[in-house]
Amino acid sequence: MAKVHIRDVVKADLEARYPGDDYTFSDRVLKLMTELDAYKRMAVRRDEATSQHKTQRSVPEEGLAEDLAELCISDDESP
């Protein structure tokens, strides 16, 4: 079985999601993080609208943000 690195899969997915030669890997990660933030805000608004108690949905973004930051750093440092 061929060895697949998560970094390569993430990079390919980001390139497919945000095509364009003028985008760097870091630009694509920032665009994705902006979308995740928007989805989180939409979820909070929906929860507030459907319940009388103001609750926030727990979105596990801390681990994702750290992983993406590490990918950006390692991608920028690679030759």
Protein backbone atom coordinates (compact mmCIF):
# COMPACT_ATOMS: atom_id res chain seq x y z
CA MET A 1 0.00 0.00 0.00
CA ALA A 2 1.34 3.44 -0.87
CA LYS A 3 2.24 5.72 1.97
CA VAL A 4 0.12 8.88 1.99
CA HIS A 5 1.17 11.86 4.05
CA ILE A 6 -1.61 13.93 5.60
CA ARG A 7 0.25 17.09 4.65
CA ASP A 8 0.11 16.15 0.97
CA VAL A 9 -3.60 15.33 1.18
CA VAL A 10 -4.39 18.62 2.94
CA LYS A 11 -2.30 20.57 0.46
CA ALA A 12 -4.04 18.91 -2.51
CA ASP A 13 -7.47 19.53 -0.98
CA LEU A 14 -6.69 23.19 -0.37
CA GLU A 15 -5.39 23.59 -3.92
CA ALA A 16 -8.59 22.04 -5.27
CA ARG A 17 -10.78 24.14 -2.98
CA TYR A 18 -8.97 27.42 -3.74
CA PRO A 19 -7.47 27.15 -7.23
CA GLY A 20 -5.15 29.78 -8.55
CA ASP A 21 -1.44 30.17 -9.10
CA ASP A 22 -1.30 33.40 -7.11
CA TYR A 23 -2.34 31.71 -3.82
CA THR A 24 0.33 30.39 -1.47
CA PHE A 25 -0.30 27.51 0.91
CA SER A 26 -0.60 30.01 3.77
CA ASP A 27 -3.17 32.05 1.82
CA ARG A 28 -5.28 28.95 1.29
CA VAL A 29 -5.08 28.03 4.99
CA LEU A 30 -6.17 31.54 5.98
CA LYS A 31 -9.14 31.35 3.60
CA LEU A 32 -10.15 28.02 5.14
CA MET A 33 -9.82 29.38 8.68
CA THR A 34 -12.01 32.35 7.71
CA GLU A 35 -14.67 29.96 6.42
CA LEU A 36 -14.50 27.89 9.61
CA ASP A 37 -14.95 31.02 11.70
CA ALA A 38 -17.99 32.02 9.62
CA TYR A 39 -19.54 28.55 10.07
CA LYS A 40 -18.98 28.78 13.82
CA ARG A 41 -20.72 32.16 13.97
CA MET A 42 -23.65 30.83 11.91
CA ALA A 43 -24.01 27.85 14.26
CA VAL A 44 -24.06 30.13 17.30
CA ARG A 45 -26.71 32.38 15.74
CA ARG A 46 -28.84 29.37 14.81
CA ASP A 47 -28.57 27.99 18.35
CA GLU A 48 -29.55 31.36 19.82
CA ALA A 49 -32.53 31.62 17.48
CA THR A 50 -33.86 28.13 18.26
CA SER A 51 -33.45 28.17 22.02
CA GLN A 52 -34.31 30.62 24.73
CA HIS A 53 -31.02 29.96 26.47
CA LYS A 54 -27.95 31.48 24.89
CA THR A 55 -25.65 28.57 24.29
CA GLN A 56 -22.69 28.17 22.03
CA ARG A 57 -21.96 25.06 20.08
CA SER A 58 -18.60 23.60 20.87
CA VAL A 59 -16.49 23.52 17.71
CA PRO A 60 -13.15 21.71 18.06
CA GLU A 61 -11.13 24.28 16.16
CA GLU A 62 -8.14 24.65 18.48
CA GLY A 63 -6.50 21.42 17.39
CA LEU A 64 -7.26 22.15 13.75
CA ALA A 65 -5.82 25.65 13.99
CA GLU A 66 -2.62 24.35 15.58
CA ASP A 67 -2.25 21.61 12.95
CA LEU A 68 -2.78 24.07 10.11
CA ALA A 69 -0.31 26.53 11.65
CA GLU A 70 2.31 23.77 11.86
CA LEU A 71 1.67 22.88 8.22
CA CYS A 72 2.12 26.51 7.19
CA ILE A 73 5.39 26.79 9.08
CA SER A 74 6.77 23.52 7.74
CA ASP A 75 5.66 24.38 4.18
CA ASP A 76 7.30 27.81 4.33
CA GLU A 77 10.56 26.32 5.64
CA SER A 78 10.80 23.51 3.09
CA PRO A 79 13.21 24.07 0.18
